[in-house]
């Protein structure tokens, strides 16, 4: 089956929504592309009082099935990458290829505590106090200085994110741990990471490649956490090469 004949699902990161992929989608006119808002983000409301990874994964499967597809490629960034791992591990007949973008299988304890603190900030002070550190983590200094359109759009989306949805997702990230299941992922897997992302994401790359059979990795330079969004041409080139190989 040709790669182009299998739909390509993109799953966004914390504080973003399905529109964050727009610059990438326009570069894939020969693919059927599916983007969606995850619970508590964009236009999708929260579905429970405490989010779980399986709940979000099941939502993705349900939405894809509603569109008439039963097998897809899945590309997920950060939070979306954790969902992609869960889907690939639990639903091997659903996931054809998987692309893990600036993500981890689990977070070290100091980052888990940061997620708990961010949840508290979102609930008590709102999203504005979280914007500046998020932008500095996601984008290079050059991109921030130029205020590229991707940053302008992300800023609007981030500030409009439901604070409780953000907080519940932070609490999910503080607890999730998929590392023990990585060796069971059978789908061909590409790991993509920004060359200057934070250490937990950089350190996760050799973890993925050593534990997911047959996986391979590529770097985007320059690039931080949102390297794929800041450099869509570089990312799409890696994606096309992977799906056609």
C-alpha atoms as a PDB file:
ATOM      1  CA  UNK A   1       0.000   0.000   0.000  1.00  0.00           C
ATOM      2  CA  UNK A   2       1.412   3.401  -0.949  1.00  0.00           C
ATOM      3  CA  UNK A   3       2.132   5.727   1.967  1.00  0.00           C
ATOM      4  CA  UNK A   4      -0.054   8.401   0.398  1.00  0.00           C
ATOM      5  CA  UNK A   5      -3.074   6.088   0.417  1.00  0.00           C
ATOM      6  CA  UNK A   6      -2.975   5.827   4.222  1.00  0.00           C
ATOM      7  CA  UNK A   7      -4.295   8.911   6.072  1.00  0.00           C
ATOM      8  CA  UNK A   8      -1.794  10.847   8.151  1.00  0.00           C
ATOM      9  CA  UNK A   9      -2.953  11.926  11.628  1.00  0.00           C
ATOM     10  CA  UNK A  10      -1.184  14.795  13.387  1.00  0.00           C
ATOM     11  CA  UNK A  11      -1.502  15.133  17.168  1.00  0.00           C
ATOM     12  CA  UNK A  12      -0.565  18.451  18.749  1.00  0.00           C
ATOM     13  CA  UNK A  13       1.349  19.411  21.883  1.00  0.00           C
ATOM     14  CA  UNK A  14       0.158  20.867  25.187  1.00  0.00           C
ATOM     15  CA  UNK A  15      -1.270  24.352  24.791  1.00  0.00           C
ATOM     16  CA  UNK A  16      -1.704  24.070  21.011  1.00  0.00           C
ATOM     17  CA  UNK A  17      -4.535  22.811  18.801  1.00  0.00           C
ATOM     18  CA  UNK A  18      -5.053  21.175  15.432  1.00  0.00           C
ATOM     19  CA  UNK A  19      -4.308  24.399  13.546  1.00  0.00           C
ATOM     20  CA  UNK A  20      -0.660  24.304  14.620  1.00  0.00           C
ATOM     21  CA  UNK A  21      -0.047  21.887  11.740  1.00  0.00           C
ATOM     22  CA  UNK A  22      -1.381  24.211   9.022  1.00  0.00           C
ATOM     23  CA  UNK A  23       2.024  25.056   7.526  1.00  0.00           C
ATOM     24  CA  UNK A  24       2.861  21.360   7.356  1.00  0.00           C
ATOM     25  CA  UNK A  25      -0.511  20.308   5.940  1.00  0.00           C
ATOM     26  CA  UNK A  26      -0.151  22.738   3.025  1.00  0.00           C
ATOM     27  CA  UNK A  27       3.085  20.964   2.114  1.00  0.00           C
ATOM     28  CA  UNK A  28       1.376  17.555   1.915  1.00  0.00           C
ATOM     29  CA  UNK A  29      -1.253  17.999  -0.821  1.00  0.00           C
ATOM     30  CA  UNK A  30      -0.871  14.382  -1.912  1.00  0.00           C
ATOM     31  CA  UNK A  31      -1.817  12.986   1.521  1.00  0.00           C
ATOM     32  CA  UNK A  32      -5.132  12.686   3.291  1.00  0.00           C
ATOM     33  CA  UNK A  33      -4.315  14.592   6.481  1.00  0.00           C
ATOM     34  CA  UNK A  34      -6.318  14.516   9.698  1.00  0.00           C
ATOM     35  CA  UNK A  35      -5.777  17.073  12.438  1.00  0.00           C
ATOM     36  CA  UNK A  36      -7.841  17.391  15.580  1.00  0.00           C
ATOM     37  CA  UNK A  37      -8.105  19.270  18.854  1.00  0.00           C
ATOM     38  CA  UNK A  38      -7.348  17.170  21.917  1.00  0.00           C
ATOM     39  CA  UNK A  39      -9.536  17.424  25.064  1.00  0.00           C
ATOM     40  CA  UNK A  40      -9.396  20.817  26.748  1.00  0.00           C
ATOM     41  CA  UNK A  41      -7.686  22.371  23.738  1.00  0.00           C
ATOM     42  CA  UNK A  42      -9.016  24.385  20.813  1.00  0.00           C
ATOM     43  CA  UNK A  43     -12.681  23.704  20.295  1.00  0.00           C
ATOM     44  CA  UNK A  44     -12.778  20.327  22.047  1.00  0.00           C
ATOM     45  CA  UNK A  45     -14.165  20.410  25.599  1.00  0.00           C
ATOM     46  CA  UNK A  46     -12.891  18.335  28.462  1.00  0.00           C
ATOM     47  CA  UNK A  47     -14.424  14.874  28.532  1.00  0.00           C
ATOM     48  CA  UNK A  48     -13.789  13.979  32.184  1.00  0.00           C
ATOM     49  CA  UNK A  49     -12.563  15.398  35.470  1.00  0.00           C
ATOM     50  CA  UNK A  50      -9.163  13.712  35.108  1.00  0.00           C
ATOM     51  CA  UNK A  51      -7.669  12.949  31.706  1.00  0.00           C
ATOM     52  CA  UNK A  52      -5.994   9.625  30.938  1.00  0.00           C
ATOM     53  CA  UNK A  53      -3.747   8.700  28.041  1.00  0.00           C
ATOM     54  CA  UNK A  54      -6.014   5.816  27.032  1.00  0.00           C
ATOM     55  CA  UNK A  55      -9.053   8.098  27.032  1.00  0.00           C
ATOM     56  CA  UNK A  56      -7.378  10.484  24.601  1.00  0.00           C
ATOM     57  CA  UNK A  57      -6.096   7.627  22.432  1.00  0.00           C
ATOM     58  CA  UNK A  58      -9.571   6.128  22.261  1.00  0.00           C
ATOM     59  CA  UNK A  59     -10.928   9.536  21.224  1.00  0.00           C
ATOM     60  CA  UNK A  60      -8.431   9.654  18.346  1.00  0.00           C
ATOM     61  CA  UNK A  61      -9.429   6.174  17.188  1.00  0.00           C
ATOM     62  CA  UNK A  62     -13.122   7.043  17.401  1.00  0.00           C
ATOM     63  CA  UNK A  63     -12.705  10.216  15.360  1.00  0.00           C
ATOM     64  CA  UNK A  64     -10.663   8.423  12.698  1.00  0.00           C
ATOM     65  CA  UNK A  65     -13.247   5.640  12.464  1.00  0.00           C
ATOM     66  CA  UNK A  66     -16.017   8.231  12.086  1.00  0.00           C
ATOM     67  CA  UNK A  67     -14.147   9.508   9.030  1.00  0.00           C
ATOM     68  CA  UNK A  68     -14.207   6.016   7.518  1.00  0.00           C
ATOM     69  CA  UNK A  69     -10.589   4.935   8.096  1.00  0.00           C
ATOM     70  CA  UNK A  70      -9.295   1.958  10.040  1.00  0.00           C
ATOM     71  CA  UNK A  71      -5.527   2.347   9.569  1.00  0.00           C
ATOM     72  CA  UNK A  72      -3.397   5.519   9.699  1.00  0.00           C
ATOM     73  CA  UNK A  73       0.066   6.962  10.016  1.00  0.00           C
ATOM     74  CA  UNK A  74       0.370   8.864  13.302  1.00  0.00           C
ATOM     75  CA  UNK A  75       2.683  11.822  13.927  1.00  0.00           C
ATOM     76  CA  UNK A  76       2.624  13.359  17.377  1.00  0.00           C
ATOM     77  CA  UNK A  77       4.565  16.209  18.979  1.00  0.00           C
ATOM     78  CA  UNK A  78       5.340  16.201  22.714  1.00  0.00           C
ATOM     79  CA  UNK A  79       1.928  15.364  24.298  1.00  0.00           C
ATOM     80  CA  UNK A  80       0.860  14.116  20.870  1.00  0.00           C
ATOM     81  CA  UNK A  81       3.944  11.919  20.754  1.00  0.00           C
ATOM     82  CA  UNK A  82       2.935  10.224  23.991  1.00  0.00           C
ATOM     83  CA  UNK A  83      -0.481   9.513  22.493  1.00  0.00           C
ATOM     84  CA  UNK A  84       1.187   8.195  19.329  1.00  0.00           C
ATOM     85  CA  UNK A  85       3.299   5.814  21.426  1.00  0.00           C
ATOM     86  CA  UNK A  86       0.221   4.576  23.272  1.00  0.00           C
ATOM     87  CA  UNK A  87      -1.668   4.018  20.018  1.00  0.00           C
ATOM     88  CA  UNK A  88       1.237   2.191  18.389  1.00  0.00           C
ATOM     89  CA  UNK A  89       1.701  -0.043  21.420  1.00  0.00           C
ATOM     90  CA  UNK A  90      -1.949  -0.852  22.141  1.00  0.00           C
ATOM     91  CA  UNK A  91      -3.416  -0.781  18.627  1.00  0.00           C
ATOM     92  CA  UNK A  92      -0.858  -2.249  16.181  1.00  0.00           C
ATOM     93  CA  UNK A  93      -3.545  -2.854  13.553  1.00  0.00           C
ATOM     94  CA  UNK A  94      -4.488   0.831  13.657  1.00  0.00           C
ATOM     95  CA  UNK A  95      -1.026   2.405  13.310  1.00  0.00           C
ATOM     96  CA  UNK A  96       0.866   1.909  10.046  1.00  0.00           C
ATOM     97  CA  UNK A  97       3.860   4.213  10.666  1.00  0.00           C
ATOM     98  CA  UNK A  98       4.560   6.384  13.709  1.00  0.00           C
ATOM     99  CA  UNK A  99       6.516   9.643  13.956  1.00  0.00           C
ATOM    100  CA  UNK A 100       7.529  10.813  17.438  1.00  0.00           C
ATOM    101  CA  UNK A 101       8.373  14.523  17.481  1.00  0.00           C
ATOM    102  CA  UNK A 102      10.183  16.141  20.423  1.00  0.00           C
ATOM    103  CA  UNK A 103       8.615  13.792  22.924  1.00  0.00           C
ATOM    104  CA  UNK A 104       9.478  11.358  25.706  1.00  0.00           C
ATOM    105  CA  UNK A 105       8.169   8.019  26.986  1.00  0.00           C
ATOM    106  CA  UNK A 106       8.207   9.412  30.533  1.00  0.00           C
ATOM    107  CA  UNK A 107       9.476  12.491  32.374  1.00  0.00           C
ATOM    108  CA  UNK A 108      12.162  12.695  35.065  1.00  0.00           C
ATOM    109  CA  UNK A 109      10.887  13.657  38.491  1.00  0.00           C
ATOM    110  CA  UNK A 110      12.007  17.291  38.329  1.00  0.00           C
ATOM    111  CA  UNK A 111       9.947  17.766  35.149  1.00  0.00           C
ATOM    112  CA  UNK A 112       6.973  15.983  36.712  1.00  0.00           C
ATOM    113  CA  UNK A 113       7.089  18.586  39.494  1.00  0.00           C
ATOM    114  CA  UNK A 114       7.227  21.359  36.895  1.00  0.00           C
ATOM    115  CA  UNK A 115       4.048  19.996  35.315  1.00  0.00           C
ATOM    116  CA  UNK A 116       2.309  20.059  38.698  1.00  0.00           C
ATOM    117  CA  UNK A 117       3.423  23.654  39.211  1.00  0.00           C
ATOM    118  CA  UNK A 118       2.189  24.650  35.759  1.00  0.00           C
ATOM    119  CA  UNK A 119      -1.193  23.086  36.494  1.00  0.00           C
ATOM    120  CA  UNK A 120      -1.456  25.246  39.610  1.00  0.00           C
ATOM    121  CA  UNK A 121      -0.451  28.397  37.719  1.00  0.00           C
ATOM    122  CA  UNK A 122      -3.010  27.754  34.972  1.00  0.00           C
ATOM    123  CA  UNK A 123      -5.794  27.300  37.506  1.00  0.00           C
ATOM    124  CA  UNK A 124      -4.929  30.247  39.739  1.00  0.00           C
ATOM    125  CA  UNK A 125      -3.407  32.844  37.405  1.00  0.00           C
ATOM    126  CA  UNK A 126      -4.423  31.840  33.904  1.00  0.00           C
ATOM    127  CA  UNK A 127      -2.506  31.176  30.709  1.00  0.00           C
ATOM    128  CA  UNK A 128      -0.752  34.531  30.258  1.00  0.00           C
ATOM    129  CA  UNK A 129       1.835  33.823  32.969  1.00  0.00           C
ATOM    130  CA  UNK A 130       2.856  30.633  31.156  1.00  0.00           C
ATOM    131  CA  UNK A 131       3.260  32.138  27.687  1.00  0.00           C
ATOM    132  CA  UNK A 132       6.772  33.602  27.831  1.00  0.00           C
ATOM    133  CA  UNK A 133       8.548  30.494  29.177  1.00  0.00           C
ATOM    134  CA  UNK A 134       6.627  28.339  26.714  1.00  0.00           C
ATOM    135  CA  UNK A 135       7.658  30.474  23.732  1.00  0.00           C
ATOM    136  CA  UNK A 136      11.300  30.413  24.870  1.00  0.00           C
ATOM    137  CA  UNK A 137      11.159  26.620  25.112  1.00  0.00           C
ATOM    138  CA  UNK A 138       9.423  26.083  21.795  1.00  0.00           C
ATOM    139  CA  UNK A 139      11.136  28.473  19.384  1.00  0.00           C
ATOM    140  CA  UNK A 140      14.644  29.647  18.542  1.00  0.00           C
ATOM    141  CA  UNK A 141      15.734  33.165  19.435  1.00  0.00           C
ATOM    142  CA  UNK A 142      15.878  34.089  15.739  1.00  0.00           C
ATOM    143  CA  UNK A 143      12.290  32.973  15.161  1.00  0.00           C
ATOM    144  CA  UNK A 144      11.112  34.868  18.230  1.00  0.00           C
ATOM    145  CA  UNK A 145      12.915  38.026  17.128  1.00  0.00           C
ATOM    146  CA  UNK A 146      11.344  37.776  13.676  1.00  0.00           C
ATOM    147  CA  UNK A 147       7.906  36.955  15.117  1.00  0.00           C
ATOM    148  CA  UNK A 148       7.253  34.453  12.353  1.00  0.00           C
ATOM    149  CA  UNK A 149       3.537  33.823  11.647  1.00  0.00           C
ATOM    150  CA  UNK A 150       3.687  30.417  13.327  1.00  0.00           C
ATOM    151  CA  UNK A 151       4.584  32.113  16.622  1.00  0.00           C
ATOM    152  CA  UNK A 152       1.825  34.699  16.273  1.00  0.00           C
ATOM    153  CA  UNK A 153      -0.733  31.968  15.665  1.00  0.00           C
ATOM    154  CA  UNK A 154       0.581  29.788  18.497  1.00  0.00           C
ATOM    155  CA  UNK A 155       0.422  32.735  20.908  1.00  0.00           C
ATOM    156  CA  UNK A 156      -3.251  33.304  20.075  1.00  0.00           C
ATOM    157  CA  UNK A 157      -4.090  29.630  20.515  1.00  0.00           C
ATOM    158  CA  UNK A 158      -2.119  29.269  23.747  1.00  0.00           C
ATOM    159  CA  UNK A 159      -3.739  32.269  25.409  1.00  0.00           C
ATOM    160  CA  UNK A 160      -7.193  31.010  24.458  1.00  0.00           C
ATOM    161  CA  UNK A 161      -6.594  27.491  25.795  1.00  0.00           C
ATOM    162  CA  UNK A 162      -8.963  26.382  28.557  1.00  0.00           C
ATOM    163  CA  UNK A 163      -6.879  26.742  31.777  1.00  0.00           C
ATOM    164  CA  UNK A 164      -8.526  23.676  33.325  1.00  0.00           C
ATOM    165  CA  UNK A 165      -7.869  21.666  30.160  1.00  0.00           C
ATOM    166  CA  UNK A 166      -4.233  22.752  30.285  1.00  0.00           C
ATOM    167  CA  UNK A 167      -4.010  21.930  33.996  1.00  0.00           C
ATOM    168  CA  UNK A 168      -5.510  18.456  33.639  1.00  0.00           C
ATOM    169  CA  UNK A 169      -3.161  17.712  30.763  1.00  0.00           C
ATOM    170  CA  UNK A 170      -0.185  18.847  32.862  1.00  0.00           C
ATOM    171  CA  UNK A 171      -1.304  16.434  35.584  1.00  0.00           C
ATOM    172  CA  UNK A 172      -1.496  13.658  33.004  1.00  0.00           C
ATOM    173  CA  UNK A 173       2.050  14.421  31.830  1.00  0.00           C
ATOM    174  CA  UNK A 174       3.250  14.335  35.440  1.00  0.00           C
ATOM    175  CA  UNK A 175       2.123  10.712  35.775  1.00  0.00           C
ATOM    176  CA  UNK A 176       2.529   9.070  32.367  1.00  0.00           C
ATOM    177  CA  UNK A 177       5.165   6.358  31.824  1.00  0.00           C
ATOM    178  CA  UNK A 178       5.222   4.274  28.638  1.00  0.00           C
ATOM    179  CA  UNK A 179       8.900   3.308  28.617  1.00  0.00           C
ATOM    180  CA  UNK A 180       8.383  -0.346  29.539  1.00  0.00           C
ATOM    181  CA  UNK A 181       6.099  -0.786  26.522  1.00  0.00           C
ATOM    182  CA  UNK A 182       8.438   0.649  23.873  1.00  0.00           C
ATOM    183  CA  UNK A 183       9.883  -2.746  22.787  1.00  0.00           C
ATOM    184  CA  UNK A 184       6.368  -3.886  21.820  1.00  0.00           C
ATOM    185  CA  UNK A 185       5.914  -1.128  19.213  1.00  0.00           C
ATOM    186  CA  UNK A 186       5.971  -2.914  15.868  1.00  0.00           C
ATOM    187  CA  UNK A 187       5.185  -0.028  13.509  1.00  0.00           C
ATOM    188  CA  UNK A 188       8.096   1.545  11.619  1.00  0.00           C
ATOM    189  CA  UNK A 189       9.084   4.482  13.806  1.00  0.00           C
ATOM    190  CA  UNK A 190      10.855   7.789  13.144  1.00  0.00           C
ATOM    191  CA  UNK A 191      12.009   9.985  16.001  1.00  0.00           C
ATOM    192  CA  UNK A 192      12.463  13.684  15.180  1.00  0.00           C
ATOM    193  CA  UNK A 193      13.930  16.189  17.628  1.00  0.00           C
ATOM    194  CA  UNK A 194      15.129  19.772  17.586  1.00  0.00           C
ATOM    195  CA  UNK A 195      18.886  19.966  18.003  1.00  0.00           C
ATOM    196  CA  UNK A 196      18.503  22.472  20.861  1.00  0.00           C
ATOM    197  CA  UNK A 197      15.428  21.080  22.613  1.00  0.00           C
ATOM    198  CA  UNK A 198      15.481  20.632  26.388  1.00  0.00           C
ATOM    199  CA  UNK A 199      17.605  17.756  27.767  1.00  0.00           C
ATOM    200  CA  UNK A 200      14.723  15.370  28.611  1.00  0.00           C
ATOM    201  CA  UNK A 201      13.635  15.379  24.958  1.00  0.00           C
ATOM    202  CA  UNK A 202      17.165  15.106  23.576  1.00  0.00           C
ATOM    203  CA  UNK A 203      17.962  12.297  26.016  1.00  0.00           C
ATOM    204  CA  UNK A 204      14.792  10.455  25.006  1.00  0.00           C
ATOM    205  CA  UNK A 205      16.042   9.983  21.424  1.00  0.00           C
ATOM    206  CA  UNK A 206      18.588   7.219  22.217  1.00  0.00           C
ATOM    207  CA  UNK A 207      16.033   5.657  24.568  1.00  0.00           C
ATOM    208  CA  UNK A 208      13.564   5.376  21.705  1.00  0.00           C
ATOM    209  CA  UNK A 209      16.076   4.100  19.150  1.00  0.00           C
ATOM    210  CA  UNK A 210      17.484   1.496  21.520  1.00  0.00           C
ATOM    211  CA  UNK A 211      14.103   0.170  22.649  1.00  0.00           C
ATOM    212  CA  UNK A 212      11.778   0.451  19.630  1.00  0.00           C
ATOM    213  CA  UNK A 213      12.833  -2.246  17.148  1.00  0.00           C
ATOM    214  CA  UNK A 214      14.042  -0.875  13.828  1.00  0.00           C
ATOM    215  CA  UNK A 215      13.405   2.771  14.741  1.00  0.00           C
ATOM    216  CA  UNK A 216      15.547   5.606  13.439  1.00  0.00           C
ATOM    217  CA  UNK A 217      16.113   9.225  14.403  1.00  0.00           C
ATOM    218  CA  UNK A 218      16.667  12.572  12.684  1.00  0.00           C
ATOM    219  CA  UNK A 219      17.505  16.027  14.000  1.00  0.00           C
ATOM    220  CA  UNK A 220      16.301  19.464  12.919  1.00  0.00           C
ATOM    221  CA  UNK A 221      18.992  22.123  13.256  1.00  0.00           C
ATOM    222  CA  UNK A 222      18.403  24.822  14.260  1.00  0.00           C
ATOM    223  CA  UNK A 223      15.393  23.862  16.292  1.00  0.00           C
ATOM    224  CA  UNK A 224      14.016  23.775  19.797  1.00  0.00           C
ATOM    225  CA  UNK A 225      10.857  22.052  21.028  1.00  0.00           C
ATOM    226  CA  UNK A 226       8.724  23.203  18.098  1.00  0.00           C
ATOM    227  CA  UNK A 227      11.399  22.552  15.486  1.00  0.00           C
ATOM    228  CA  UNK A 228       8.926  20.805  13.182  1.00  0.00           C
ATOM    229  CA  UNK A 229       6.594  23.820  13.243  1.00  0.00           C
ATOM    230  CA  UNK A 230       9.348  26.420  12.934  1.00  0.00           C
ATOM    231  CA  UNK A 231      11.026  24.570  10.030  1.00  0.00           C
ATOM    232  CA  UNK A 232       8.160  22.861   8.189  1.00  0.00           C
ATOM    233  CA  UNK A 233      10.165  22.266   4.991  1.00  0.00           C
ATOM    234  CA  UNK A 234      12.857  20.368   6.881  1.00  0.00           C
ATOM    235  CA  UNK A 235      10.277  18.355   8.793  1.00  0.00           C
ATOM    236  CA  UNK A 236       8.199  17.472   5.732  1.00  0.00           C
ATOM    237  CA  UNK A 237      11.339  16.339   3.916  1.00  0.00           C
ATOM    238  CA  UNK A 238      12.137  13.948   6.781  1.00  0.00           C
ATOM    239  CA  UNK A 239       8.526  12.778   6.899  1.00  0.00           C
ATOM    240  CA  UNK A 240       8.295  12.074   3.169  1.00  0.00           C
ATOM    241  CA  UNK A 241      11.572  10.202   3.158  1.00  0.00           C
ATOM    242  CA  UNK A 242      10.436   8.055   6.061  1.00  0.00           C
ATOM    243  CA  UNK A 243       6.990   7.214   4.699  1.00  0.00           C
ATOM    244  CA  UNK A 244       8.356   6.362   1.260  1.00  0.00           C
ATOM    245  CA  UNK A 245      11.177   4.144   2.495  1.00  0.00           C
END
